[in-house]
Amino acid sequence: MQPDAQRGREVFKQCEGCHSMEADVHLYGPSLHGVVNRPAGKLESYDYSDALGAVDFQWTSGHLQQWLQDEPKNMVPGTRMEFPGLPDKQNIDDLIKFLESPQ
């Protein structure tokens, strides 16, 4: 099944407690507005953990896949993000499609 942004919007409801889709509106976690292809841990308006602030990669769909499929602490030990991962690959694909779509 092809990734679908509308289904991804539904998956994003699991993220809304900690993340906003509005630019520079941060909750416990940083805004995810424009996250795809953004340098990880580098928004000046958000105070990242030292671990995430020290990484050197962009949030490509591949990095987002890895981050979302397993606990983020496995990808970046020391990050503050508490998330067990999404077990369903289709949900991950749909969520990334939603994050890629203009808001």
N, C-alpha and C. Protein backbone atom coordinates (compact mmCIF):
# COMPACT_ATOMS: atom_id res chain seq x y z
N MET A 1 0.84 -1.17 0.00
CA MET A 1 0.00 0.00 0.00
C MET A 1 0.89 1.25 0.00
N GLN A 2 0.52 2.22 -0.80
CA GLN A 2 1.29 3.46 -0.89
C GLN A 2 1.12 4.29 0.39
N PRO A 3 2.17 5.01 0.79
CA PRO A 3 2.04 5.90 1.95
C PRO A 3 0.96 6.95 1.70
N ASP A 4 0.22 7.29 2.75
CA ASP A 4 -0.90 8.21 2.62
C ASP A 4 -0.84 9.25 3.75
N ALA A 5 -0.80 10.53 3.39
CA ALA A 5 -0.68 11.60 4.38
C ALA A 5 -1.90 11.68 5.28
N GLN A 6 -3.09 11.37 4.77
CA GLN A 6 -4.30 11.42 5.61
C GLN A 6 -4.23 10.36 6.71
N ARG A 7 -3.81 9.16 6.34
CA ARG A 7 -3.64 8.13 7.37
C ARG A 7 -2.53 8.56 8.33
N GLY A 8 -1.48 9.19 7.79
CA GLY A 8 -0.38 9.67 8.62
C GLY A 8 -0.82 10.72 9.62
N ARG A 9 -1.79 11.55 9.24
CA ARG A 9 -2.34 12.55 10.16
C ARG A 9 -2.97 11.85 11.37
N GLU A 10 -3.63 10.72 11.13
CA GLU A 10 -4.22 9.95 12.22
C GLU A 10 -3.12 9.35 13.12
N VAL A 11 -2.06 8.84 12.51
CA VAL A 11 -0.94 8.28 13.27
C VAL A 11 -0.30 9.38 14.12
N PHE A 12 -0.22 10.59 13.57
CA PHE A 12 0.41 11.71 14.27
C PHE A 12 -0.30 12.03 15.59
N LYS A 13 -1.55 11.65 15.73
CA LYS A 13 -2.26 11.91 16.98
C LYS A 13 -1.53 11.28 18.16
N GLN A 14 -0.75 10.23 17.92
CA GLN A 14 0.06 9.62 18.99
C GLN A 14 1.21 10.52 19.40
N CYS A 15 1.57 11.48 18.56
CA CYS A 15 2.72 12.36 18.79
C CYS A 15 2.31 13.72 19.36
N GLU A 16 1.04 14.06 19.23
CA GLU A 16 0.55 15.40 19.58
C GLU A 16 0.75 15.80 21.04
N GLY A 17 0.87 14.85 21.93
CA GLY A 17 1.08 15.20 23.32
C GLY A 17 2.43 15.85 23.57
N CYS A 18 3.38 15.60 22.67
CA CYS A 18 4.73 16.13 22.85
C CYS A 18 5.21 17.02 21.70
N HIS A 19 4.59 16.90 20.53
CA HIS A 19 5.06 17.63 19.35
C HIS A 19 3.95 18.41 18.68
N SER A 20 4.29 19.58 18.20
CA SER A 20 3.38 20.43 17.43
C SER A 20 3.77 20.37 15.95
N MET A 21 2.83 20.68 15.09
CA MET A 21 3.13 20.83 13.66
C MET A 21 3.21 22.31 13.28
N GLU A 22 3.13 23.20 14.25
CA GLU A 22 3.26 24.63 13.99
C GLU A 22 4.73 25.03 14.13
N ALA A 23 5.20 25.84 13.20
CA ALA A 23 6.59 26.29 13.23
C ALA A 23 6.90 26.98 14.55
N ASP A 24 7.99 26.60 15.17
CA ASP A 24 8.50 27.19 16.41
C ASP A 24 7.54 27.11 17.59
N VAL A 25 6.55 26.22 17.52
CA VAL A 25 5.68 25.96 18.67
C VAL A 25 6.12 24.62 19.24
N HIS A 26 6.87 24.69 20.32
CA HIS A 26 7.44 23.50 20.93
C HIS A 26 6.63 23.10 22.16
N LEU A 27 6.49 21.83 22.35
CA LEU A 27 5.86 21.30 23.54
C LEU A 27 6.98 20.65 24.34
N TYR A 28 6.79 19.45 24.85
CA TYR A 28 7.92 18.77 25.50
C TYR A 28 9.00 18.49 24.46
N GLY A 29 8.59 18.13 23.26
CA GLY A 29 9.52 17.91 22.15
C GLY A 29 9.45 19.07 21.17
N PRO A 30 10.37 19.10 20.23
CA PRO A 30 10.41 20.21 19.27
C PRO A 30 9.26 20.15 18.27
N SER A 31 8.98 21.28 17.66
CA SER A 31 8.02 21.34 16.57
C SER A 31 8.50 20.41 15.45
N LEU A 32 7.56 19.71 14.84
CA LEU A 32 7.91 18.84 13.71
C LEU A 32 7.57 19.49 12.37
N HIS A 33 7.21 20.75 12.41
CA HIS A 33 6.95 21.50 11.18
C HIS A 33 8.25 21.56 10.37
N GLY A 34 8.22 21.07 9.15
CA GLY A 34 9.40 21.11 8.29
C GLY A 34 10.52 20.19 8.71
N VAL A 35 10.21 19.14 9.47
CA VAL A 35 11.25 18.25 10.00
C VAL A 35 11.97 17.46 8.91
N VAL A 36 11.28 17.09 7.85
CA VAL A 36 11.90 16.25 6.82
C VAL A 36 12.99 17.06 6.11
N ASN A 37 14.19 16.51 6.14
CA ASN A 37 15.42 17.09 5.58
C ASN A 37 16.00 18.23 6.42
N ARG A 38 15.49 18.42 7.61
CA ARG A 38 16.05 19.41 8.54
C ARG A 38 17.19 18.75 9.29
N PRO A 39 18.26 19.49 9.58
CA PRO A 39 19.33 18.93 10.41
C PRO A 39 18.79 18.51 11.78
N ALA A 40 19.14 17.34 12.21
CA ALA A 40 18.68 16.82 13.51
C ALA A 40 19.33 17.58 14.66
N GLY A 41 18.52 17.91 15.65
CA GLY A 41 19.03 18.52 16.87
C GLY A 41 19.57 19.92 16.72
N LYS A 42 19.12 20.66 15.70
CA LYS A 42 19.74 21.96 15.44
C LYS A 42 18.79 23.15 15.43
N LEU A 43 17.52 22.98 15.81
CA LEU A 43 16.62 24.14 15.87
C LEU A 43 17.11 25.06 16.99
N GLU A 44 17.40 26.30 16.68
CA GLU A 44 17.90 27.22 17.70
C GLU A 44 16.86 27.55 18.76
N SER A 45 15.58 27.40 18.40
CA SER A 45 14.52 27.76 19.33
C SER A 45 14.10 26.62 20.26
N TYR A 46 14.83 25.50 20.23
CA TYR A 46 14.50 24.37 21.10
C TYR A 46 15.76 23.89 21.80
N ASP A 47 15.63 23.52 23.07
CA ASP A 47 16.75 23.05 23.87
C ASP A 47 16.84 21.52 23.82
N TYR A 48 17.62 21.01 22.89
CA TYR A 48 17.79 19.57 22.71
C TYR A 48 18.69 18.98 23.79
N SER A 49 18.57 17.68 23.98
CA SER A 49 19.52 16.97 24.84
C SER A 49 20.92 17.11 24.23
N ASP A 50 21.93 16.99 25.05
CA ASP A 50 23.31 17.05 24.54
C ASP A 50 23.53 15.98 23.48
N ALA A 51 22.93 14.80 23.69
CA ALA A 51 23.12 13.69 22.75
C ALA A 51 22.55 14.02 21.38
N LEU A 52 21.33 14.54 21.33
CA LEU A 52 20.72 14.83 20.03
C LEU A 52 21.34 16.09 19.42
N GLY A 53 21.74 17.02 20.25
CA GLY A 53 22.40 18.23 19.74
C GLY A 53 23.75 17.94 19.10
N ALA A 54 24.35 16.81 19.45
CA ALA A 54 25.68 16.47 18.94
C ALA A 54 25.66 15.65 17.65
N VAL A 55 24.49 15.17 17.22
CA VAL A 55 24.46 14.33 16.02
C VAL A 55 24.70 15.15 14.77
N ASP A 56 25.09 14.47 13.71
CA ASP A 56 25.39 15.15 12.44
C ASP A 56 24.69 14.42 11.30
N PHE A 57 23.37 14.57 11.23
CA PHE A 57 22.61 14.02 10.12
C PHE A 57 21.34 14.85 9.94
N GLN A 58 20.70 14.66 8.80
CA GLN A 58 19.43 15.31 8.53
C GLN A 58 18.31 14.29 8.69
N TRP A 59 17.13 14.79 8.99
CA TRP A 59 15.97 13.90 9.12
C TRP A 59 15.44 13.52 7.75
N THR A 60 16.15 12.64 7.08
CA THR A 60 15.68 12.08 5.83
C THR A 60 14.61 11.04 6.14
N SER A 61 13.92 10.58 5.12
CA SER A 61 12.91 9.54 5.37
C SER A 61 13.58 8.29 5.96
N GLY A 62 14.79 7.98 5.55
CA GLY A 62 15.50 6.82 6.10
C GLY A 62 15.81 6.97 7.57
N HIS A 63 16.28 8.16 7.97
CA HIS A 63 16.55 8.39 9.39
C HIS A 63 15.26 8.39 10.21
N LEU A 64 14.21 8.97 9.65
CA LEU A 64 12.92 8.95 10.35
C LEU A 64 12.39 7.53 10.50
N GLN A 65 12.56 6.71 9.46
CA GLN A 65 12.16 5.29 9.54
C GLN A 65 12.85 4.64 10.73
N GLN A 66 14.16 4.81 10.80
CA GLN A 66 14.94 4.19 11.87
C GLN A 66 14.49 4.72 13.24
N TRP A 67 14.31 6.01 13.37
CA TRP A 67 13.92 6.65 14.62
C TRP A 67 12.56 6.16 15.09
N LEU A 68 11.63 6.02 14.15
CA LEU A 68 10.24 5.67 14.49
C LEU A 68 10.00 4.19 14.69
N GLN A 69 10.83 3.34 14.09
CA GLN A 69 10.55 1.91 14.19
C GLN A 69 11.03 1.29 15.49
N ASP A 70 11.94 1.94 16.16
CA ASP A 70 12.51 1.39 17.38
C ASP A 70 12.63 2.52 18.39
N GLU A 71 12.96 2.20 19.59
CA GLU A 71 13.14 3.26 20.58
C GLU A 71 14.21 4.24 20.10
N PRO A 72 13.91 5.54 20.10
CA PRO A 72 14.91 6.53 19.70
C PRO A 72 16.23 6.42 20.46
N LYS A 73 16.16 5.94 21.71
CA LYS A 73 17.39 5.81 22.50
C LYS A 73 18.34 4.77 21.91
N ASN A 74 17.83 3.89 21.08
CA ASN A 74 18.71 2.94 20.39
C ASN A 74 19.47 3.62 19.26
N MET A 75 18.87 4.62 18.65
CA MET A 75 19.51 5.35 17.54
C MET A 75 20.45 6.43 18.07
N VAL A 76 19.99 7.15 19.11
CA VAL A 76 20.79 8.23 19.71
C VAL A 76 20.75 8.03 21.23
N PRO A 77 21.68 7.22 21.75
CA PRO A 77 21.73 7.03 23.20
C PRO A 77 21.88 8.37 23.92
N GLY A 78 21.07 8.58 24.94
CA GLY A 78 21.12 9.82 25.70
C GLY A 78 20.03 10.81 25.31
N THR A 79 19.26 10.51 24.27
CA THR A 79 18.17 11.42 23.92
C THR A 79 17.10 11.36 25.01
N ARG A 80 16.36 12.46 25.17
CA ARG A 80 15.29 12.51 26.17
C ARG A 80 14.00 11.88 25.68
N MET A 81 13.89 11.60 24.40
CA MET A 81 12.61 11.13 23.86
C MET A 81 12.29 9.73 24.36
N GLU A 82 11.15 9.65 25.03
CA GLU A 82 10.63 8.38 25.53
C GLU A 82 9.56 7.91 24.54
N PHE A 83 9.87 6.91 23.75
CA PHE A 83 8.95 6.43 22.72
C PHE A 83 9.31 5.00 22.40
N PRO A 84 8.34 4.08 22.47
CA PRO A 84 8.67 2.67 22.24
C PRO A 84 8.80 2.29 20.77
N GLY A 85 8.46 3.19 19.87
CA GLY A 85 8.51 2.88 18.45
C GLY A 85 7.15 2.47 17.92
N LEU A 86 7.00 2.56 16.62
CA LEU A 86 5.77 2.14 15.95
C LEU A 86 6.03 0.76 15.35
N PRO A 87 5.26 -0.24 15.73
CA PRO A 87 5.52 -1.59 15.22
C PRO A 87 5.08 -1.81 13.78
N ASP A 88 4.18 -0.98 13.27
CA ASP A 88 3.62 -1.18 11.94
C ASP A 88 4.32 -0.31 10.90
N LYS A 89 5.00 -0.93 9.94
CA LYS A 89 5.74 -0.18 8.92
C LYS A 89 4.83 0.74 8.12
N GLN A 90 3.60 0.30 7.84
CA GLN A 90 2.68 1.15 7.09
C GLN A 90 2.38 2.43 7.86
N ASN A 91 2.20 2.33 9.18
CA ASN A 91 1.98 3.53 9.99
C ASN A 91 3.18 4.47 9.92
N ILE A 92 4.38 3.92 9.93
CA ILE A 92 5.59 4.74 9.82
C ILE A 92 5.63 5.44 8.47
N ASP A 93 5.38 4.69 7.40
CA ASP A 93 5.38 5.28 6.05
C ASP A 93 4.33 6.38 5.93
N ASP A 94 3.14 6.12 6.48
CA ASP A 94 2.07 7.12 6.41
C ASP A 94 2.43 8.36 7.23
N LEU A 95 3.03 8.17 8.40
CA LEU A 95 3.42 9.30 9.24
C LEU A 95 4.48 10.14 8.54
N ILE A 96 5.45 9.51 7.93
CA ILE A 96 6.49 10.26 7.21
C ILE A 96 5.87 11.02 6.04
N LYS A 97 4.95 10.42 5.33
CA LYS A 97 4.25 11.11 4.23
C LYS A 97 3.54 12.35 4.77
N PHE A 98 2.88 12.22 5.91
CA PHE A 98 2.22 13.36 6.55
C PHE A 98 3.26 14.44 6.91
N LEU A 99 4.37 14.04 7.50
CA LEU A 99 5.41 15.02 7.88
C LEU A 99 6.01 15.71 6.66
N GLU A 100 6.02 15.03 5.52
CA GLU A 100 6.54 15.61 4.27
C GLU A 100 5.55 16.59 3.64
N SER A 101 4.27 16.44 3.96
CA SER A 101 3.24 17.24 3.28
C SER A 101 3.20 18.66 3.84
N PRO A 102 2.87 19.63 2.97
CA PRO A 102 2.76 21.00 3.46
C PRO A 102 1.62 21.12 4.48
N GLN A 103 1.84 21.84 5.51
CA GLN A 103 0.83 21.98 6.57
C GLN A 103 0.09 23.29 6.43
